[in-house]
């Protein structure tokens, strides 16, 4: 039996698909609630801006801000990247452009949220 070393190329798709699917789930499950609170209840005066700001300064509020911004960004960038690919529009280093922008956005949101 020979000891062959298989040169397998690793893919970046599993972590990207994980972030993409998490973003899709967050968008589908929680955006209707955000639209209700921010788009209906806030303008009607049933929720005050002070309550929303106070919530944003709590630990769970910061976590909500992170989840509601980071994961949908990854989902959107993944959709744009593959949508352009389907339209035969190819970028040199497209993975680096789209997923790199998402990573920079993620780091920026983390830094800004933790500084609240």
PDB file of N, CA and C in Angstrom:
ATOM      1  N   UNK A   1       0.845  -1.172   0.000  1.00  0.00           N
ATOM      2  CA  UNK A   1       0.000   0.000   0.000  1.00  0.00           C
ATOM      3  C   UNK A   1       0.889   1.233   0.000  1.00  0.00           C
ATOM      4  N   UNK A   2       0.647   2.122  -0.916  1.00  0.00           N
ATOM      5  CA  UNK A   2       1.504   3.295  -1.026  1.00  0.00           C
ATOM      6  C   UNK A   2       0.971   4.433  -0.172  1.00  0.00           C
ATOM      7  N   UNK A   3       1.872   5.285   0.240  1.00  0.00           N
ATOM      8  CA  UNK A   3       1.522   6.459   1.035  1.00  0.00           C
ATOM      9  C   UNK A   3       1.475   7.676   0.127  1.00  0.00           C
ATOM     10  N   UNK A   4       0.375   7.844  -0.553  1.00  0.00           N
ATOM     11  CA  UNK A   4       0.219   9.000  -1.426  1.00  0.00           C
ATOM     12  C   UNK A   4      -0.291  10.173  -0.617  1.00  0.00           C
ATOM     13  N   UNK A   5       0.249  11.313  -0.924  1.00  0.00           N
ATOM     14  CA  UNK A   5      -0.216  12.544  -0.297  1.00  0.00           C
ATOM     15  C   UNK A   5      -1.163  13.206  -1.280  1.00  0.00           C
ATOM     16  N   UNK A   6      -2.389  13.349  -0.852  1.00  0.00           N
ATOM     17  CA  UNK A   6      -3.382  13.955  -1.721  1.00  0.00           C
ATOM     18  C   UNK A   6      -3.347  15.463  -1.526  1.00  0.00           C
ATOM     19  N   UNK A   7      -3.235  16.151  -2.625  1.00  0.00           N
ATOM     20  CA  UNK A   7      -3.224  17.606  -2.600  1.00  0.00           C
ATOM     21  C   UNK A   7      -4.660  18.105  -2.750  1.00  0.00           C
ATOM     22  N   UNK A   8      -5.324  18.254  -1.616  1.00  0.00           N
ATOM     23  CA  UNK A   8      -6.708  18.711  -1.659  1.00  0.00           C
ATOM     24  C   UNK A   8      -6.736  20.206  -1.403  1.00  0.00           C
ATOM     25  N   UNK A   9      -7.449  20.902  -2.260  1.00  0.00           N
ATOM     26  CA  UNK A   9      -7.571  22.339  -2.120  1.00  0.00           C
ATOM     27  C   UNK A   9      -8.717  22.629  -1.169  1.00  0.00           C
ATOM     28  N   UNK A  10      -8.449  23.428  -0.169  1.00  0.00           N
ATOM     29  CA  UNK A  10      -9.493  23.795   0.790  1.00  0.00           C
ATOM     30  C   UNK A  10     -10.337  24.916   0.219  1.00  0.00           C
ATOM     31  N   UNK A  11     -11.613  24.856   0.521  1.00  0.00           N
ATOM     32  CA  UNK A  11     -12.553  25.851   0.021  1.00  0.00           C
ATOM     33  C   UNK A  11     -12.947  26.799   1.147  1.00  0.00           C
ATOM     34  N   UNK A  12     -13.215  28.050   0.781  1.00  0.00           N
ATOM     35  CA  UNK A  12     -13.708  28.994   1.773  1.00  0.00           C
ATOM     36  C   UNK A  12     -15.230  28.976   1.831  1.00  0.00           C
ATOM     37  N   UNK A  13     -15.870  28.125   1.062  1.00  0.00           N
ATOM     38  CA  UNK A  13     -17.320  28.114   0.983  1.00  0.00           C
ATOM     39  C   UNK A  13     -18.031  27.722   2.281  1.00  0.00           C
ATOM     40  N   UNK A  14     -17.595  26.725   3.058  1.00  0.00           N
ATOM     41  CA  UNK A  14     -18.369  26.379   4.263  1.00  0.00           C
ATOM     42  C   UNK A  14     -18.550  27.529   5.254  1.00  0.00           C
ATOM     43  N   UNK A  15     -17.505  28.274   5.630  1.00  0.00           N
ATOM     44  CA  UNK A  15     -17.760  29.382   6.553  1.00  0.00           C
ATOM     45  C   UNK A  15     -18.590  30.503   5.924  1.00  0.00           C
ATOM     46  N   UNK A  16     -18.410  30.735   4.632  1.00  0.00           N
ATOM     47  CA  UNK A  16     -19.179  31.774   3.958  1.00  0.00           C
ATOM     48  C   UNK A  16     -20.648  31.366   3.883  1.00  0.00           C
ATOM     49  N   UNK A  17     -20.916  30.107   3.581  1.00  0.00           N
ATOM     50  CA  UNK A  17     -22.300  29.634   3.543  1.00  0.00           C
ATOM     51  C   UNK A  17     -22.925  29.668   4.931  1.00  0.00           C
ATOM     52  N   UNK A  18     -22.150  29.422   5.976  1.00  0.00           N
ATOM     53  CA  UNK A  18     -22.662  29.512   7.338  1.00  0.00           C
ATOM     54  C   UNK A  18     -23.098  30.943   7.640  1.00  0.00           C
ATOM     55  N   UNK A  19     -22.262  31.925   7.312  1.00  0.00           N
ATOM     56  CA  UNK A  19     -22.608  33.325   7.541  1.00  0.00           C
ATOM     57  C   UNK A  19     -23.769  33.760   6.649  1.00  0.00           C
ATOM     58  N   UNK A  20     -23.795  33.266   5.405  1.00  0.00           N
ATOM     59  CA  UNK A  20     -24.881  33.579   4.476  1.00  0.00           C
ATOM     60  C   UNK A  20     -26.217  33.049   4.997  1.00  0.00           C
ATOM     61  N   UNK A  21     -26.228  31.799   5.434  1.00  0.00           N
ATOM     62  CA  UNK A  21     -27.485  31.217   5.909  1.00  0.00           C
ATOM     63  C   UNK A  21     -27.925  31.850   7.218  1.00  0.00           C
ATOM     64  N   UNK A  22     -26.976  32.193   8.079  1.00  0.00           N
ATOM     65  CA  UNK A  22     -27.331  32.887   9.326  1.00  0.00           C
ATOM     66  C   UNK A  22     -27.948  34.245   9.010  1.00  0.00           C
ATOM     67  N   UNK A  23     -27.407  34.947   8.043  1.00  0.00           N
ATOM     68  CA  UNK A  23     -27.958  36.236   7.646  1.00  0.00           C
ATOM     69  C   UNK A  23     -29.351  36.125   7.068  1.00  0.00           C
ATOM     70  N   UNK A  24     -29.583  35.080   6.289  1.00  0.00           N
ATOM     71  CA  UNK A  24     -30.913  34.858   5.746  1.00  0.00           C
ATOM     72  C   UNK A  24     -31.931  34.554   6.834  1.00  0.00           C
ATOM     73  N   UNK A  25     -31.528  33.761   7.819  1.00  0.00           N
ATOM     74  CA  UNK A  25     -32.434  33.431   8.916  1.00  0.00           C
ATOM     75  C   UNK A  25     -32.723  34.656   9.778  1.00  0.00           C
ATOM     76  N   UNK A  26     -31.697  35.431  10.077  1.00  0.00           N
ATOM     77  CA  UNK A  26     -31.900  36.652  10.872  1.00  0.00           C
ATOM     78  C   UNK A  26     -32.846  37.596  10.139  1.00  0.00           C
ATOM     79  N   UNK A  27     -32.617  37.761   8.852  1.00  0.00           N
ATOM     80  CA  UNK A  27     -33.473  38.656   8.070  1.00  0.00           C
ATOM     81  C   UNK A  27     -34.917  38.163   8.050  1.00  0.00           C
ATOM     82  N   UNK A  28     -35.103  36.880   7.840  1.00  0.00           N
ATOM     83  CA  UNK A  28     -36.461  36.340   7.733  1.00  0.00           C
ATOM     84  C   UNK A  28     -37.193  36.354   9.065  1.00  0.00           C
ATOM     85  N   UNK A  29     -36.490  36.075  10.149  1.00  0.00           N
ATOM     86  CA  UNK A  29     -37.157  35.954  11.449  1.00  0.00           C
ATOM     87  C   UNK A  29     -37.322  37.277  12.180  1.00  0.00           C
ATOM     88  N   UNK A  30     -36.322  38.151  12.115  1.00  0.00           N
ATOM     89  CA  UNK A  30     -36.327  39.322  12.978  1.00  0.00           C
ATOM     90  C   UNK A  30     -36.612  40.646  12.278  1.00  0.00           C
ATOM     91  N   UNK A  31     -36.415  40.744  10.979  1.00  0.00           N
ATOM     92  CA  UNK A  31     -36.675  42.018  10.309  1.00  0.00           C
ATOM     93  C   UNK A  31     -38.146  42.431  10.339  1.00  0.00           C
ATOM     94  N   UNK A  32     -39.104  41.495  10.261  1.00  0.00           N
ATOM     95  CA  UNK A  32     -40.494  41.940  10.433  1.00  0.00           C
ATOM     96  C   UNK A  32     -40.746  42.593  11.801  1.00  0.00           C
ATOM     97  N   UNK A  33     -40.095  42.098  12.836  1.00  0.00           N
ATOM     98  CA  UNK A  33     -40.234  42.693  14.169  1.00  0.00           C
ATOM     99  C   UNK A  33     -39.597  44.073  14.190  1.00  0.00           C
ATOM    100  N   UNK A  34     -38.415  44.197  13.586  1.00  0.00           N
ATOM    101  CA  UNK A  34     -37.755  45.504  13.523  1.00  0.00           C
ATOM    102  C   UNK A  34     -38.579  46.503  12.723  1.00  0.00           C
ATOM    103  N   UNK A  35     -39.182  46.050  11.633  1.00  0.00           N
ATOM    104  CA  UNK A  35     -40.028  46.943  10.839  1.00  0.00           C
ATOM    105  C   UNK A  35     -41.237  47.381  11.650  1.00  0.00           C
ATOM    106  N   UNK A  36     -41.819  46.461  12.409  1.00  0.00           N
ATOM    107  CA  UNK A  36     -42.960  46.809  13.252  1.00  0.00           C
ATOM    108  C   UNK A  36     -42.569  47.849  14.301  1.00  0.00           C
ATOM    109  N   UNK A  37     -41.472  47.594  15.004  1.00  0.00           N
ATOM    110  CA  UNK A  37     -41.063  48.498  16.085  1.00  0.00           C
ATOM    111  C   UNK A  37     -40.592  49.847  15.537  1.00  0.00           C
ATOM    112  N   UNK A  38     -39.665  49.815  14.573  1.00  0.00           N
ATOM    113  CA  UNK A  38     -39.069  51.061  14.080  1.00  0.00           C
ATOM    114  C   UNK A  38     -39.909  51.767  13.016  1.00  0.00           C
ATOM    115  N   UNK A  39     -40.700  51.009  12.270  1.00  0.00           N
ATOM    116  CA  UNK A  39     -41.458  51.604  11.193  1.00  0.00           C
ATOM    117  C   UNK A  39     -42.913  51.910  11.517  1.00  0.00           C
ATOM    118  N   UNK A  40     -43.457  51.272  12.571  1.00  0.00           N
ATOM    119  CA  UNK A  40     -44.862  51.497  12.905  1.00  0.00           C
ATOM    120  C   UNK A  40     -45.020  52.047  14.320  1.00  0.00           C
ATOM    121  N   UNK A  41     -44.498  51.315  15.296  1.00  0.00           N
ATOM    122  CA  UNK A  41     -44.699  51.711  16.697  1.00  0.00           C
ATOM    123  C   UNK A  41     -43.978  53.007  17.062  1.00  0.00           C
ATOM    124  N   UNK A  42     -42.766  53.201  16.555  1.00  0.00           N
ATOM    125  CA  UNK A  42     -42.010  54.421  16.846  1.00  0.00           C
ATOM    126  C   UNK A  42     -42.688  55.659  16.254  1.00  0.00           C
ATOM    127  N   UNK A  43     -43.082  55.659  14.975  1.00  0.00           N
ATOM    128  CA  UNK A  43     -43.766  56.843  14.440  1.00  0.00           C
ATOM    129  C   UNK A  43     -45.127  57.114  15.095  1.00  0.00           C
ATOM    130  N   UNK A  44     -45.798  56.063  15.561  1.00  0.00           N
ATOM    131  CA  UNK A  44     -47.083  56.261  16.235  1.00  0.00           C
ATOM    132  C   UNK A  44     -46.936  56.734  17.678  1.00  0.00           C
ATOM    133  N   UNK A  45     -45.709  56.736  18.177  1.00  0.00           N
ATOM    134  CA  UNK A  45     -45.452  57.185  19.538  1.00  0.00           C
ATOM    135  C   UNK A  45     -45.684  56.127  20.600  1.00  0.00           C
ATOM    136  N   UNK A  46     -45.888  54.875  20.180  1.00  0.00           N
ATOM    137  CA  UNK A  46     -46.098  53.797  21.138  1.00  0.00           C
ATOM    138  C   UNK A  46     -44.788  53.309  21.754  1.00  0.00           C
ATOM    139  N   UNK A  47     -43.681  53.591  21.091  1.00  0.00           N
ATOM    140  CA  UNK A  47     -42.339  53.306  21.608  1.00  0.00           C
ATOM    141  C   UNK A  47     -41.568  54.609  21.511  1.00  0.00           C
ATOM    142  N   UNK A  48     -40.863  54.957  22.581  1.00  0.00           N
ATOM    143  CA  UNK A  48     -40.099  56.204  22.562  1.00  0.00           C
ATOM    144  C   UNK A  48     -38.665  55.949  22.110  1.00  0.00           C
ATOM    145  N   UNK A  49     -38.045  56.929  21.482  1.00  0.00           N
ATOM    146  CA  UNK A  49     -36.635  56.779  21.099  1.00  0.00           C
ATOM    147  C   UNK A  49     -35.735  56.539  22.308  1.00  0.00           C
ATOM    148  N   UNK A  50     -36.103  57.103  23.462  1.00  0.00           N
ATOM    149  CA  UNK A  50     -35.296  56.893  24.666  1.00  0.00           C
ATOM    150  C   UNK A  50     -35.251  55.422  25.062  1.00  0.00           C
ATOM    151  N   UNK A  51     -36.375  54.703  24.890  1.00  0.00           N
ATOM    152  CA  UNK A  51     -36.401  53.274  25.205  1.00  0.00           C
ATOM    153  C   UNK A  51     -35.496  52.490  24.263  1.00  0.00           C
ATOM    154  N   UNK A  52     -35.502  52.859  22.986  1.00  0.00           N
ATOM    155  CA  UNK A  52     -34.662  52.161  22.013  1.00  0.00           C
ATOM    156  C   UNK A  52     -33.192  52.426  22.300  1.00  0.00           C
ATOM    157  N   UNK A  53     -32.855  53.663  22.619  1.00  0.00           N
ATOM    158  CA  UNK A  53     -31.462  54.007  22.927  1.00  0.00           C
ATOM    159  C   UNK A  53     -31.018  53.310  24.212  1.00  0.00           C
ATOM    160  N   UNK A  54     -31.888  53.277  25.217  1.00  0.00           N
ATOM    161  CA  UNK A  54     -31.549  52.589  26.463  1.00  0.00           C
ATOM    162  C   UNK A  54     -31.325  51.103  26.220  1.00  0.00           C
ATOM    163  N   UNK A  55     -32.170  50.503  25.374  1.00  0.00           N
ATOM    164  CA  UNK A  55     -32.000  49.090  25.034  1.00  0.00           C
ATOM    165  C   UNK A  55     -30.681  48.855  24.312  1.00  0.00           C
ATOM    166  N   UNK A  56     -30.301  49.768  23.419  1.00  0.00           N
ATOM    167  CA  UNK A  56     -29.061  49.613  22.658  1.00  0.00           C
ATOM    168  C   UNK A  56     -27.825  49.652  23.548  1.00  0.00           C
ATOM    169  N   UNK A  57     -27.933  50.242  24.719  1.00  0.00           N
ATOM    170  CA  UNK A  57     -26.784  50.326  25.624  1.00  0.00           C
ATOM    171  C   UNK A  57     -26.666  49.131  26.566  1.00  0.00           C
ATOM    172  N   UNK A  58     -27.638  48.215  26.531  1.00  0.00           N
ATOM    173  CA  UNK A  58     -27.535  47.016  27.362  1.00  0.00           C
ATOM    174  C   UNK A  58     -26.730  45.954  26.613  1.00  0.00           C
ATOM    175  N   UNK A  59     -26.338  44.930  27.321  1.00  0.00           N
ATOM    176  CA  UNK A  59     -25.573  43.848  26.700  1.00  0.00           C
ATOM    177  C   UNK A  59     -26.348  43.132  25.610  1.00  0.00           C
ATOM    178  N   UNK A  60     -27.605  42.821  25.888  1.00  0.00           N
ATOM    179  CA  UNK A  60     -28.412  42.132  24.875  1.00  0.00           C
ATOM    180  C   UNK A  60     -28.728  43.059  23.707  1.00  0.00           C
ATOM    181  N   UNK A  61     -28.838  44.345  23.966  1.00  0.00           N
ATOM    182  CA  UNK A  61     -29.055  45.309  22.885  1.00  0.00           C
ATOM    183  C   UNK A  61     -27.853  45.385  21.962  1.00  0.00           C
ATOM    184  N   UNK A  62     -26.658  45.379  22.542  1.00  0.00           N
ATOM    185  CA  UNK A  62     -25.436  45.384  21.720  1.00  0.00           C
ATOM    186  C   UNK A  62     -25.337  44.109  20.894  1.00  0.00           C
ATOM    187  N   UNK A  63     -25.697  42.976  21.513  1.00  0.00           N
ATOM    188  CA  UNK A  63     -25.689  41.710  20.778  1.00  0.00           C
ATOM    189  C   UNK A  63     -26.701  41.754  19.632  1.00  0.00           C
ATOM    190  N   UNK A  64     -27.865  42.334  19.885  1.00  0.00           N
ATOM    191  CA  UNK A  64     -28.880  42.456  18.835  1.00  0.00           C
ATOM    192  C   UNK A  64     -28.370  43.324  17.689  1.00  0.00           C
ATOM    193  N   UNK A  65     -27.712  44.427  18.009  1.00  0.00           N
ATOM    194  CA  UNK A  65     -27.155  45.286  16.961  1.00  0.00           C
ATOM    195  C   UNK A  65     -26.141  44.515  16.123  1.00  0.00           C
ATOM    196  N   UNK A  66     -25.278  43.750  16.788  1.00  0.00           N
ATOM    197  CA  UNK A  66     -24.285  42.959  16.064  1.00  0.00           C
ATOM    198  C   UNK A  66     -24.952  41.935  15.149  1.00  0.00           C
ATOM    199  N   UNK A  67     -25.912  41.202  15.685  1.00  0.00           N
ATOM    200  CA  UNK A  67     -26.570  40.144  14.911  1.00  0.00           C
ATOM    201  C   UNK A  67     -27.370  40.727  13.757  1.00  0.00           C
ATOM    202  N   UNK A  68     -28.094  41.827  14.006  1.00  0.00           N
ATOM    203  CA  UNK A  68     -28.962  42.406  12.976  1.00  0.00           C
ATOM    204  C   UNK A  68     -28.192  43.153  11.897  1.00  0.00           C
ATOM    205  N   UNK A  69     -26.922  43.418  12.092  1.00  0.00           N
ATOM    206  CA  UNK A  69     -26.144  44.111  11.067  1.00  0.00           C
ATOM    207  C   UNK A  69     -25.122  43.204  10.387  1.00  0.00           C
ATOM    208  N   UNK A  70     -24.432  42.375  11.154  1.00  0.00           N
ATOM    209  CA  UNK A  70     -23.333  41.586  10.582  1.00  0.00           C
ATOM    210  C   UNK A  70     -23.841  40.469   9.674  1.00  0.00           C
ATOM    211  N   UNK A  71     -24.734  39.636  10.172  1.00  0.00           N
ATOM    212  CA  UNK A  71     -25.153  38.470   9.392  1.00  0.00           C
ATOM    213  C   UNK A  71     -25.894  38.837   8.105  1.00  0.00           C
ATOM    214  N   UNK A  72     -26.835  39.796   8.132  1.00  0.00           N
ATOM    215  CA  UNK A  72     -27.459  40.178   6.858  1.00  0.00           C
ATOM    216  C   UNK A  72     -26.467  40.779   5.848  1.00  0.00           C
ATOM    217  N   UNK A  73     -25.404  41.441   6.330  1.00  0.00           N
ATOM    218  CA  UNK A  73     -24.386  41.966   5.416  1.00  0.00           C
ATOM    219  C   UNK A  73     -23.711  40.812   4.673  1.00  0.00           C
ATOM    220  N   UNK A  74     -23.342  39.764   5.397  1.00  0.00           N
ATOM    221  CA  UNK A  74     -22.719  38.609   4.757  1.00  0.00           C
ATOM    222  C   UNK A  74     -23.669  37.963   3.757  1.00  0.00           C
ATOM    223  N   UNK A  75     -24.951  37.858   4.128  1.00  0.00           N
ATOM    224  CA  UNK A  75     -25.933  37.267   3.213  1.00  0.00           C
ATOM    225  C   UNK A  75     -26.077  38.112   1.955  1.00  0.00           C
ATOM    226  N   UNK A  76     -26.151  39.429   2.128  1.00  0.00           N
ATOM    227  CA  UNK A  76     -26.293  40.306   0.979  1.00  0.00           C
ATOM    228  C   UNK A  76     -25.088  40.279   0.057  1.00  0.00           C
ATOM    229  N   UNK A  77     -23.909  40.327   0.629  1.00  0.00           N
ATOM    230  CA  UNK A  77     -22.701  40.321  -0.198  1.00  0.00           C
ATOM    231  C   UNK A  77     -22.543  38.981  -0.926  1.00  0.00           C
ATOM    232  N   UNK A  78     -22.922  37.901  -0.269  1.00  0.00           N
ATOM    233  CA  UNK A  78     -22.853  36.587  -0.906  1.00  0.00           C
ATOM    234  C   UNK A  78     -23.834  36.526  -2.078  1.00  0.00           C
ATOM    235  N   UNK A  79     -25.037  37.071  -1.869  1.00  0.00           N
ATOM    236  CA  UNK A  79     -26.036  37.099  -2.951  1.00  0.00           C
ATOM    237  C   UNK A  79     -25.559  37.953  -4.119  1.00  0.00           C
ATOM    238  N   UNK A  80     -24.981  39.118  -3.827  1.00  0.00           N
ATOM    239  CA  UNK A  80     -24.476  39.987  -4.894  1.00  0.00           C
ATOM    240  C   UNK A  80     -23.357  39.291  -5.661  1.00  0.00           C
ATOM    241  N   UNK A  81     -22.434  38.674  -4.926  1.00  0.00           N
ATOM    242  CA  UNK A  81     -21.300  37.994  -5.552  1.00  0.00           C
ATOM    243  C   UNK A  81     -21.777  36.894  -6.496  1.00  0.00           C
ATOM    244  N   UNK A  82     -22.674  36.043  -6.015  1.00  0.00           N
ATOM    245  CA  UNK A  82     -23.143  34.937  -6.851  1.00  0.00           C
ATOM    246  C   UNK A  82     -24.130  35.408  -7.917  1.00  0.00           C
ATOM    247  N   UNK A  83     -24.882  36.473  -7.643  1.00  0.00           N
ATOM    248  CA  UNK A  83     -25.767  37.026  -8.657  1.00  0.00           C
ATOM    249  C   UNK A  83     -24.992  37.587  -9.836  1.00  0.00           C
ATOM    250  N   UNK A  84     -23.917  38.300  -9.559  1.00  0.00           N
ATOM    251  CA  UNK A  84     -23.063  38.812 -10.634  1.00  0.00           C
ATOM    252  C   UNK A  84     -22.408  37.669 -11.400  1.00  0.00           C
ATOM    253  N   UNK A  85     -22.023  36.632 -10.662  1.00  0.00           N
ATOM    254  CA  UNK A  85     -21.434  35.450 -11.307  1.00  0.00           C
ATOM    255  C   UNK A  85     -22.451  34.811 -12.261  1.00  0.00           C
ATOM    256  N   UNK A  86     -23.709  34.721 -11.825  1.00  0.00           N
ATOM    257  CA  UNK A  86     -24.749  34.158 -12.686  1.00  0.00           C
ATOM    258  C   UNK A  86     -24.989  35.020 -13.924  1.00  0.00           C
ATOM    259  N   UNK A  87     -24.794  36.326 -13.811  1.00  0.00           N
ATOM    260  CA  UNK A  87     -24.943  37.237 -14.943  1.00  0.00           C
ATOM    261  C   UNK A  87     -23.671  37.326 -15.798  1.00  0.00           C
ATOM    262  N   UNK A  88     -22.704  36.490 -15.481  1.00  0.00           N
ATOM    263  CA  UNK A  88     -21.422  36.435 -16.210  1.00  0.00           C
ATOM    264  C   UNK A  88     -20.591  37.699 -16.032  1.00  0.00           C
ATOM    265  N   UNK A  89     -20.761  38.372 -14.905  1.00  0.00           N
ATOM    266  CA  UNK A  89     -19.921  39.518 -14.563  1.00  0.00           C
ATOM    267  C   UNK A  89     -18.905  39.015 -13.537  1.00  0.00           C
ATOM    268  N   UNK A  90     -17.660  38.933 -13.956  1.00  0.00           N
ATOM    269  CA  UNK A  90     -16.629  38.369 -13.089  1.00  0.00           C
ATOM    270  C   UNK A  90     -15.639  39.449 -12.685  1.00  0.00           C
ATOM    271  N   UNK A  91     -15.364  39.496 -11.402  1.00  0.00           N
ATOM    272  CA  UNK A  91     -14.363  40.400 -10.864  1.00  0.00           C
ATOM    273  C   UNK A  91     -13.078  39.630 -10.631  1.00  0.00           C
ATOM    274  N   UNK A  92     -11.926  40.247 -10.932  1.00  0.00           N
ATOM    275  CA  UNK A  92     -10.694  39.610 -10.502  1.00  0.00           C
ATOM    276  C   UNK A  92     -10.660  39.637  -8.976  1.00  0.00           C
ATOM    277  N   UNK A  93     -10.409  38.523  -8.396  1.00  0.00           N
ATOM    278  CA  UNK A  93     -10.386  38.369  -6.929  1.00  0.00           C
ATOM    279  C   UNK A  93     -11.738  38.752  -6.327  1.00  0.00           C
ATOM    280  N   UNK A  94     -12.829  38.292  -6.932  1.00  0.00           N
ATOM    281  CA  UNK A  94     -14.173  38.607  -6.466  1.00  0.00           C
ATOM    282  C   UNK A  94     -14.429  38.166  -5.044  1.00  0.00           C
ATOM    283  N   UNK A  95     -13.915  36.978  -4.690  1.00  0.00           N
ATOM    284  CA  UNK A  95     -14.071  36.515  -3.314  1.00  0.00           C
ATOM    285  C   UNK A  95     -13.442  37.500  -2.344  1.00  0.00           C
ATOM    286  N   UNK A  96     -12.255  37.945  -2.669  1.00  0.00           N
ATOM    287  CA  UNK A  96     -11.545  38.876  -1.807  1.00  0.00           C
ATOM    288  C   UNK A  96     -12.287  40.205  -1.698  1.00  0.00           C
ATOM    289  N   UNK A  97     -12.847  40.674  -2.795  1.00  0.00           N
ATOM    290  CA  UNK A  97     -13.565  41.954  -2.788  1.00  0.00           C
ATOM    291  C   UNK A  97     -14.812  41.860  -1.923  1.00  0.00           C
ATOM    292  N   UNK A  98     -15.704  40.934  -2.235  1.00  0.00           N
ATOM    293  CA  UNK A  98     -16.990  40.881  -1.555  1.00  0.00           C
ATOM    294  C   UNK A  98     -16.868  40.400  -0.109  1.00  0.00           C
ATOM    295  N   UNK A  99     -16.135  39.328   0.104  1.00  0.00           N
ATOM    296  CA  UNK A  99     -16.014  38.813   1.468  1.00  0.00           C
ATOM    297  C   UNK A  99     -15.048  39.658   2.290  1.00  0.00           C
ATOM    298  N   UNK A 100     -14.097  40.296   1.633  1.00  0.00           N
ATOM    299  CA  UNK A 100     -13.209  41.222   2.339  1.00  0.00           C
ATOM    300  C   UNK A 100     -13.963  42.445   2.836  1.00  0.00           C
ATOM    301  N   UNK A 101     -14.863  42.993   1.995  1.00  0.00           N
ATOM    302  CA  UNK A 101     -15.695  44.108   2.432  1.00  0.00           C
ATOM    303  C   UNK A 101     -16.592  43.702   3.597  1.00  0.00           C
ATOM    304  N   UNK A 102     -17.117  42.494   3.540  1.00  0.00           N
ATOM    305  CA  UNK A 102     -17.955  42.012   4.644  1.00  0.00           C
ATOM    306  C   UNK A 102     -17.138  41.870   5.925  1.00  0.00           C
ATOM    307  N   UNK A 103     -15.908  41.392   5.811  1.00  0.00           N
ATOM    308  CA  UNK A 103     -15.056  41.248   6.991  1.00  0.00           C
ATOM    309  C   UNK A 103     -14.696  42.613   7.575  1.00  0.00           C
ATOM    310  N   UNK A 104     -14.391  43.580   6.716  1.00  0.00           N
ATOM    311  CA  UNK A 104     -14.090  44.936   7.197  1.00  0.00           C
ATOM    312  C   UNK A 104     -15.308  45.541   7.883  1.00  0.00           C
ATOM    313  N   UNK A 105     -16.493  45.362   7.279  1.00  0.00           N
ATOM    314  CA  UNK A 105     -17.738  45.842   7.877  1.00  0.00           C
ATOM    315  C   UNK A 105     -17.967  45.185   9.239  1.00  0.00           C
ATOM    316  N   UNK A 106     -17.710  43.885   9.321  1.00  0.00           N
ATOM    317  CA  UNK A 106     -17.883  43.165  10.586  1.00  0.00           C
ATOM    318  C   UNK A 106     -16.991  43.746  11.670  1.00  0.00           C
ATOM    319  N   UNK A 107     -15.733  43.965  11.362  1.00  0.00           N
ATOM    320  CA  UNK A 107     -14.806  44.530  12.343  1.00  0.00           C
ATOM    321  C   UNK A 107     -15.208  45.941  12.745  1.00  0.00           C
ATOM    322  N   UNK A 108     -15.653  46.731  11.782  1.00  0.00           N
ATOM    323  CA  UNK A 108     -16.077  48.103  12.087  1.00  0.00           C
ATOM    324  C   UNK A 108     -17.298  48.107  12.995  1.00  0.00           C
ATOM    325  N   UNK A 109     -18.284  47.267  12.713  1.00  0.00           N
ATOM    326  CA  UNK A 109     -19.489  47.210  13.529  1.00  0.00           C
ATOM    327  C   UNK A 109     -19.161  46.722  14.936  1.00  0.00           C
ATOM    328  N   UNK A 110     -18.277  45.758  15.056  1.00  0.00           N
ATOM    329  CA  UNK A 110     -17.878  45.263  16.385  1.00  0.00           C
ATOM    330  C   UNK A 110     -17.229  46.385  17.180  1.00  0.00           C
ATOM    331  N   UNK A 111     -16.295  47.088  16.558  1.00  0.00           N
ATOM    332  CA  UNK A 111     -15.609  48.190  17.254  1.00  0.00           C
ATOM    333  C   UNK A 111     -16.585  49.300  17.653  1.00  0.00           C
ATOM    334  N   UNK A 112     -17.460  49.680  16.727  1.00  0.00           N
ATOM    335  CA  UNK A 112     -18.416  50.753  17.027  1.00  0.00           C
ATOM    336  C   UNK A 112     -19.432  50.334  18.081  1.00  0.00           C
ATOM    337  N   UNK A 113     -19.892  49.111  18.044  1.00  0.00           N
ATOM    338  CA  UNK A 113     -20.885  48.640  19.014  1.00  0.00           C
ATOM    339  C   UNK A 113     -20.274  48.516  20.399  1.00  0.00           C
ATOM    340  N   UNK A 114     -19.060  48.045  20.487  1.00  0.00           N
ATOM    341  CA  UNK A 114     -18.427  47.882  21.790  1.00  0.00           C
ATOM    342  C   UNK A 114     -18.042  49.225  22.402  1.00  0.00           C
ATOM    343  N   UNK A 115     -17.955  50.273  21.568  1.00  0.00           N
ATOM    344  CA  UNK A 115     -17.614  51.589  22.105  1.00  0.00           C
ATOM    345  C   UNK A 115     -18.853  52.353  22.614  1.00  0.00           C
ATOM    346  N   UNK A 116     -20.056  51.774  22.472  1.00  0.00           N
ATOM    347  CA  UNK A 116     -21.270  52.421  22.973  1.00  0.00           C
ATOM    348  C   UNK A 116     -21.231  52.550  24.475  1.00  0.00           C
TER     349      UNK A 116
END
